[in-house]
Each structure stands twice: as C-alpha cells, then as structure tokens.
Amino acid sequence: MDKDPWTDPDPQPGDFDAEIERAKPGDVEIHEGSPDAKLTILVSVEGDDAKRLDRIARARGERPDEVVADLLRAADARVA
C-alpha cells in the first residue's frame, strides 16, 4: 500500500513536489517573515496524565499550557 504524504506523520522531502509543480503563479502567495509570529503545537494528554496535569495546574494557579511550557523549559535546561 502506498503511503499518503497528506496523512503520514513523517512526510519526506519530495512528497509534495508534484503538487508544487502543478501550482500556478496565482496559487502562491509570498509574505515577509514576522519576528512576532508564533507557532502553536497541539499536545494531546489523556486519561490519568490529563488528570495529573489538571491537578498540577490548579495547585500552581496556572493553566495546563503554562505547566507544560515550564516542564519543557526545565527539561531543556537539564539537557543543554
């Protein structure tokens, strides 16, 4: 069975070359980069882990995303 780059969790270079070649000039927009741009990544936490995250966030008076951000910064500092 062929893999589908549109649904594959790990698309590879060249997977979308055919679509890019078919694109017409009017299909493409070029924008200047923005230093204020933000990237949002959705993280799914389920079951007992979700309950733990919620409990930690409430105890700290924070939102769950703030707890996750703190955990990532702490983990990064340990491996840096």
N, C-alpha and C. Protein backbone atom coordinates (compact mmCIF):
# COMPACT_ATOMS: atom_id res chain seq x y z
N MET A 1 0.84 -1.17 0.00
CA MET A 1 0.00 0.00 0.00
C MET A 1 0.89 1.25 0.00
N ASP A 2 0.59 2.19 -0.87
CA ASP A 2 1.35 3.44 -0.93
C ASP A 2 1.04 4.31 0.27
N LYS A 3 2.05 5.02 0.75
CA LYS A 3 1.80 5.94 1.86
C LYS A 3 1.26 7.25 1.32
N ASP A 4 0.48 7.93 2.12
CA ASP A 4 -0.15 9.19 1.74
C ASP A 4 0.56 10.32 2.48
N PRO A 5 1.33 11.18 1.79
CA PRO A 5 2.06 12.24 2.50
C PRO A 5 1.14 13.22 3.22
N TRP A 6 -0.13 13.30 2.79
CA TRP A 6 -1.07 14.23 3.43
C TRP A 6 -1.45 13.75 4.82
N THR A 7 -1.38 12.45 5.06
CA THR A 7 -1.77 11.92 6.38
C THR A 7 -0.60 11.27 7.11
N ASP A 8 0.53 11.11 6.45
CA ASP A 8 1.70 10.48 7.06
C ASP A 8 2.26 11.40 8.15
N PRO A 9 2.53 10.88 9.34
CA PRO A 9 3.07 11.73 10.40
C PRO A 9 4.51 12.17 10.14
N ASP A 10 5.16 11.59 9.13
CA ASP A 10 6.54 11.93 8.84
C ASP A 10 6.74 12.11 7.33
N PRO A 11 6.15 13.19 6.74
CA PRO A 11 6.34 13.40 5.31
C PRO A 11 7.82 13.62 5.00
N GLN A 12 8.22 13.21 3.81
CA GLN A 12 9.62 13.26 3.42
C GLN A 12 9.84 14.31 2.32
N PRO A 13 11.08 14.79 2.18
CA PRO A 13 11.37 15.72 1.08
C PRO A 13 10.94 15.11 -0.25
N GLY A 14 10.30 15.92 -1.06
CA GLY A 14 9.85 15.45 -2.36
C GLY A 14 8.42 14.95 -2.38
N ASP A 15 7.83 14.71 -1.20
CA ASP A 15 6.47 14.17 -1.15
C ASP A 15 5.45 15.06 -1.85
N PHE A 16 5.69 16.36 -1.86
CA PHE A 16 4.71 17.29 -2.42
C PHE A 16 5.21 17.96 -3.70
N ASP A 17 6.28 17.44 -4.29
CA ASP A 17 6.84 18.05 -5.50
C ASP A 17 5.83 18.11 -6.63
N ALA A 18 5.02 17.07 -6.81
CA ALA A 18 4.04 17.06 -7.91
C ALA A 18 3.03 18.19 -7.73
N GLU A 19 2.57 18.41 -6.50
CA GLU A 19 1.61 19.48 -6.24
C GLU A 19 2.24 20.85 -6.48
N ILE A 20 3.49 21.00 -6.09
CA ILE A 20 4.19 22.27 -6.28
C ILE A 20 4.37 22.56 -7.77
N GLU A 21 4.70 21.54 -8.54
CA GLU A 21 4.87 21.73 -9.98
C GLU A 21 3.57 22.11 -10.67
N ARG A 22 2.44 21.62 -10.18
CA ARG A 22 1.14 21.94 -10.78
C ARG A 22 0.62 23.31 -10.36
N ALA A 23 1.21 23.91 -9.34
CA ALA A 23 0.73 25.21 -8.84
C ALA A 23 0.95 26.29 -9.89
N LYS A 24 -0.06 27.14 -10.03
CA LYS A 24 0.03 28.28 -10.94
C LYS A 24 0.52 29.49 -10.14
N PRO A 25 1.09 30.50 -10.78
CA PRO A 25 1.57 31.67 -10.05
C PRO A 25 0.50 32.28 -9.12
N GLY A 26 -0.75 32.26 -9.54
CA GLY A 26 -1.81 32.82 -8.70
C GLY A 26 -2.14 31.98 -7.48
N ASP A 27 -1.63 30.74 -7.45
CA ASP A 27 -1.87 29.85 -6.31
C ASP A 27 -0.88 30.08 -5.17
N VAL A 28 0.14 30.88 -5.42
CA VAL A 28 1.22 31.06 -4.45
C VAL A 28 1.24 32.49 -3.94
N GLU A 29 1.34 32.62 -2.62
CA GLU A 29 1.49 33.94 -2.00
C GLU A 29 2.82 33.97 -1.27
N ILE A 30 3.55 35.06 -1.43
CA ILE A 30 4.83 35.22 -0.75
C ILE A 30 4.65 36.33 0.28
N HIS A 31 5.04 36.04 1.51
CA HIS A 31 4.90 37.00 2.59
C HIS A 31 6.24 37.19 3.29
N GLU A 32 6.49 38.39 3.74
CA GLU A 32 7.67 38.65 4.55
C GLU A 32 7.51 37.94 5.89
N GLY A 33 8.60 37.51 6.45
CA GLY A 33 8.55 36.88 7.76
C GLY A 33 8.23 37.91 8.83
N SER A 34 7.72 37.45 9.94
CA SER A 34 7.37 38.33 11.05
C SER A 34 8.09 37.86 12.31
N PRO A 35 8.86 38.76 12.93
CA PRO A 35 9.51 38.36 14.18
C PRO A 35 8.51 38.13 15.31
N ASP A 36 7.27 38.59 15.12
CA ASP A 36 6.24 38.41 16.13
C ASP A 36 5.41 37.15 15.91
N ALA A 37 5.73 36.40 14.86
CA ALA A 37 4.97 35.19 14.55
C ALA A 37 5.12 34.17 15.68
N LYS A 38 4.08 33.38 15.89
CA LYS A 38 4.10 32.35 16.92
C LYS A 38 3.71 31.02 16.29
N LEU A 39 4.27 29.97 16.80
CA LEU A 39 3.93 28.62 16.37
C LEU A 39 3.16 27.97 17.50
N THR A 40 2.00 27.42 17.19
CA THR A 40 1.20 26.72 18.18
C THR A 40 1.23 25.23 17.86
N ILE A 41 1.57 24.43 18.86
CA ILE A 41 1.59 22.98 18.71
C ILE A 41 0.54 22.42 19.67
N LEU A 42 -0.35 21.62 19.15
CA LEU A 42 -1.37 21.00 19.98
C LEU A 42 -0.82 19.70 20.54
N VAL A 43 -0.92 19.56 21.86
CA VAL A 43 -0.46 18.36 22.54
C VAL A 43 -1.67 17.67 23.14
N SER A 44 -1.80 16.39 22.89
CA SER A 44 -2.92 15.63 23.44
C SER A 44 -2.46 14.89 24.69
N VAL A 45 -3.15 15.14 25.79
CA VAL A 45 -2.87 14.45 27.04
C VAL A 45 -4.18 13.82 27.48
N GLU A 46 -4.17 12.53 27.75
CA GLU A 46 -5.40 11.81 28.04
C GLU A 46 -5.31 11.03 29.34
N GLY A 47 -6.46 10.61 29.82
CA GLY A 47 -6.54 9.70 30.96
C GLY A 47 -5.91 10.26 32.22
N ASP A 48 -5.16 9.39 32.90
CA ASP A 48 -4.55 9.77 34.17
C ASP A 48 -3.56 10.92 34.00
N ASP A 49 -2.85 10.97 32.87
CA ASP A 49 -1.92 12.07 32.65
C ASP A 49 -2.64 13.40 32.56
N ALA A 50 -3.81 13.42 31.93
CA ALA A 50 -4.60 14.65 31.85
C ALA A 50 -5.07 15.07 33.24
N LYS A 51 -5.46 14.11 34.06
CA LYS A 51 -5.89 14.42 35.43
C LYS A 51 -4.71 14.99 36.23
N ARG A 52 -3.53 14.39 36.06
CA ARG A 52 -2.34 14.90 36.76
C ARG A 52 -2.02 16.33 36.33
N LEU A 53 -2.05 16.57 35.04
CA LEU A 53 -1.75 17.90 34.52
C LEU A 53 -2.74 18.92 35.07
N ASP A 54 -4.01 18.58 35.08
CA ASP A 54 -5.03 19.48 35.61
C ASP A 54 -4.81 19.74 37.09
N ARG A 55 -4.49 18.69 37.84
CA ARG A 55 -4.26 18.83 39.29
C ARG A 55 -3.04 19.73 39.56
N ILE A 56 -1.96 19.53 38.81
CA ILE A 56 -0.76 20.36 38.97
C ILE A 56 -1.07 21.81 38.63
N ALA A 57 -1.77 22.03 37.54
CA ALA A 57 -2.09 23.40 37.11
C ALA A 57 -2.94 24.10 38.17
N ARG A 58 -3.97 23.42 38.68
CA ARG A 58 -4.82 24.04 39.70
C ARG A 58 -4.01 24.36 40.96
N ALA A 59 -3.14 23.46 41.36
CA ALA A 59 -2.33 23.67 42.57
C ALA A 59 -1.38 24.86 42.40
N ARG A 60 -0.92 25.08 41.19
CA ARG A 60 0.01 26.18 40.92
C ARG A 60 -0.71 27.47 40.55
N GLY A 61 -2.03 27.41 40.38
CA GLY A 61 -2.78 28.58 39.96
C GLY A 61 -2.48 28.97 38.53
N GLU A 62 -2.18 27.98 37.69
CA GLU A 62 -1.81 28.21 36.29
C GLU A 62 -2.74 27.43 35.37
N ARG A 63 -2.62 27.72 34.09
CA ARG A 63 -3.33 26.95 33.07
C ARG A 63 -2.45 25.74 32.71
N PRO A 64 -3.06 24.67 32.24
CA PRO A 64 -2.26 23.50 31.85
C PRO A 64 -1.17 23.81 30.84
N ASP A 65 -1.42 24.72 29.88
CA ASP A 65 -0.38 25.04 28.89
C ASP A 65 0.82 25.71 29.55
N GLU A 66 0.59 26.46 30.63
CA GLU A 66 1.71 27.11 31.33
C GLU A 66 2.56 26.06 32.05
N VAL A 67 1.91 25.04 32.60
CA VAL A 67 2.63 23.96 33.27
C VAL A 67 3.48 23.20 32.26
N VAL A 68 2.91 22.89 31.10
CA VAL A 68 3.65 22.18 30.06
C VAL A 68 4.85 23.00 29.60
N ALA A 69 4.66 24.32 29.41
CA ALA A 69 5.76 25.18 28.99
C ALA A 69 6.88 25.17 30.04
N ASP A 70 6.52 25.22 31.32
CA ASP A 70 7.53 25.17 32.38
C ASP A 70 8.27 23.84 32.37
N LEU A 71 7.54 22.75 32.16
CA LEU A 71 8.18 21.43 32.10
C LEU A 71 9.17 21.35 30.94
N LEU A 72 8.79 21.89 29.80
CA LEU A 72 9.70 21.88 28.64
C LEU A 72 10.95 22.71 28.91
N ARG A 73 10.78 23.89 29.50
CA ARG A 73 11.95 24.73 29.79
C ARG A 73 12.88 24.03 30.79
N ALA A 74 12.31 23.38 31.81
CA ALA A 74 13.12 22.69 32.80
C ALA A 74 13.86 21.51 32.16
N ALA A 75 13.17 20.75 31.31
CA ALA A 75 13.81 19.61 30.65
C ALA A 75 14.92 20.09 29.72
N ASP A 76 14.69 21.19 29.03
CA ASP A 76 15.69 21.73 28.11
C ASP A 76 16.93 22.19 28.87
N ALA A 77 16.73 22.80 30.03
CA ALA A 77 17.86 23.28 30.83
C ALA A 77 18.71 22.11 31.30
N ARG A 78 18.08 20.96 31.56
CA ARG A 78 18.83 19.79 32.03
C ARG A 78 19.68 19.18 30.92
N VAL A 79 19.23 19.27 29.68
CA VAL A 79 19.99 18.64 28.59
C VAL A 79 20.90 19.61 27.87
N ALA A 80 20.78 20.89 28.16
CA ALA A 80 21.61 21.91 27.47
C ALA A 80 23.02 21.90 27.97
